[in-house]
Amino acid sequence: MFPNLKAEMARYGLTYAKVAEAIGRTPNWVDTRLRGKASINIEEARLIRNTFFPGMDYDYLFASEPINSIHTIKDE
């Protein structure tokens, strides 16, 4: 789940631990959400996006399928 978010985390060198610390959760919490075993609510998504990826589109970051280009989202 969230393949684009995982890809961006890898590009920026972000670990589950770094994300968890920034949003006040545990690395296990992040792992569970990114594997699709539990959902991320809008406030949590907003916090992740605003903290680490402020210039990126929510639809791109939190898509359930990989999107090869952010322009795919913006051009639709």
Protein backbone atom coordinates (compact mmCIF):
# COMPACT_ATOMS: atom_id res chain seq x y z
CA MET A 1 0.00 0.00 0.00
CA PHE A 2 1.14 3.59 -0.69
CA PRO A 3 3.93 2.64 -3.11
CA ASN A 4 4.58 6.28 -4.03
CA LEU A 5 4.96 7.29 -0.39
CA LYS A 6 7.38 4.40 0.16
CA ALA A 7 9.36 5.40 -2.94
CA GLU A 8 9.61 9.02 -1.81
CA MET A 9 10.65 7.92 1.67
CA ALA A 10 13.45 5.88 0.08
CA ARG A 11 14.52 8.82 -2.11
CA TYR A 12 14.73 11.08 0.93
CA GLY A 13 16.37 8.43 3.14
CA LEU A 14 13.45 8.38 5.57
CA THR A 15 13.06 5.37 7.81
CA TYR A 16 9.88 4.24 9.51
CA ALA A 17 11.52 5.34 12.77
CA LYS A 18 12.10 8.91 11.49
CA VAL A 19 8.52 9.21 10.25
CA ALA A 20 7.15 7.69 13.46
CA GLU A 21 9.12 10.08 15.65
CA ALA A 22 7.94 13.12 13.68
CA ILE A 23 4.26 12.19 13.95
CA GLY A 24 4.33 10.83 17.49
CA ARG A 25 3.82 7.17 16.61
CA THR A 26 5.87 3.99 16.72
CA PRO A 27 7.79 2.47 13.80
CA ASN A 28 5.41 -0.51 14.05
CA TRP A 29 2.46 1.86 13.57
CA VAL A 30 4.06 3.22 10.37
CA ASP A 31 4.86 -0.30 9.14
CA THR A 32 1.29 -1.48 9.73
CA ARG A 33 -0.16 1.44 7.74
CA LEU A 34 2.30 1.23 4.87
CA ARG A 35 1.60 -2.49 4.49
CA GLY A 36 -2.13 -1.76 4.31
CA LYS A 37 -3.01 -3.60 7.53
CA ALA A 38 -4.62 -0.46 8.96
CA SER A 39 -5.71 2.87 7.54
CA ILE A 40 -4.16 6.32 7.80
CA ASN A 41 -6.63 9.05 8.69
CA ILE A 42 -6.58 12.44 7.01
CA GLU A 43 -4.85 14.18 9.92
CA GLU A 44 -2.05 11.61 9.91
CA ALA A 45 -1.70 11.88 6.12
CA ARG A 46 -1.59 15.68 6.39
CA LEU A 47 1.09 15.52 9.08
CA ILE A 48 3.27 13.13 7.04
CA ARG A 49 2.86 15.17 3.87
CA ASN A 50 3.42 18.58 5.50
CA THR A 51 6.41 17.40 7.54
CA PHE A 52 8.32 15.51 4.86
CA PHE A 53 6.84 16.25 1.43
CA PRO A 54 5.25 19.73 1.49
CA GLY A 55 5.49 20.24 -2.26
CA MET A 56 3.90 16.93 -3.21
CA ASP A 57 0.32 16.15 -4.07
CA TYR A 58 -1.73 14.04 -1.62
CA ASP A 59 -3.24 11.99 -4.45
CA TYR A 60 0.25 11.07 -5.61
CA LEU A 61 1.69 10.26 -2.17
CA PHE A 62 -1.25 8.26 -0.87
CA ALA A 63 -2.29 6.48 -4.07
CA SER A 64 -2.84 2.75 -3.65
CA GLU A 65 -1.19 2.00 -7.01
CA PRO A 66 2.17 3.31 -8.27
CA ILE A 67 2.06 6.51 -10.28
CA ASN A 68 5.15 7.05 -12.40
CA SER A 69 4.88 10.81 -12.54
CA ILE A 70 3.34 13.44 -10.34
CA HIS A 71 2.32 15.16 -13.57
CA THR A 72 -0.09 12.29 -14.21
CA ILE A 73 -2.14 13.49 -11.24
CA LYS A 74 -1.94 17.19 -12.02
CA ASP A 75 -2.78 16.79 -15.72
CA GLU A 76 -5.99 14.81 -15.17
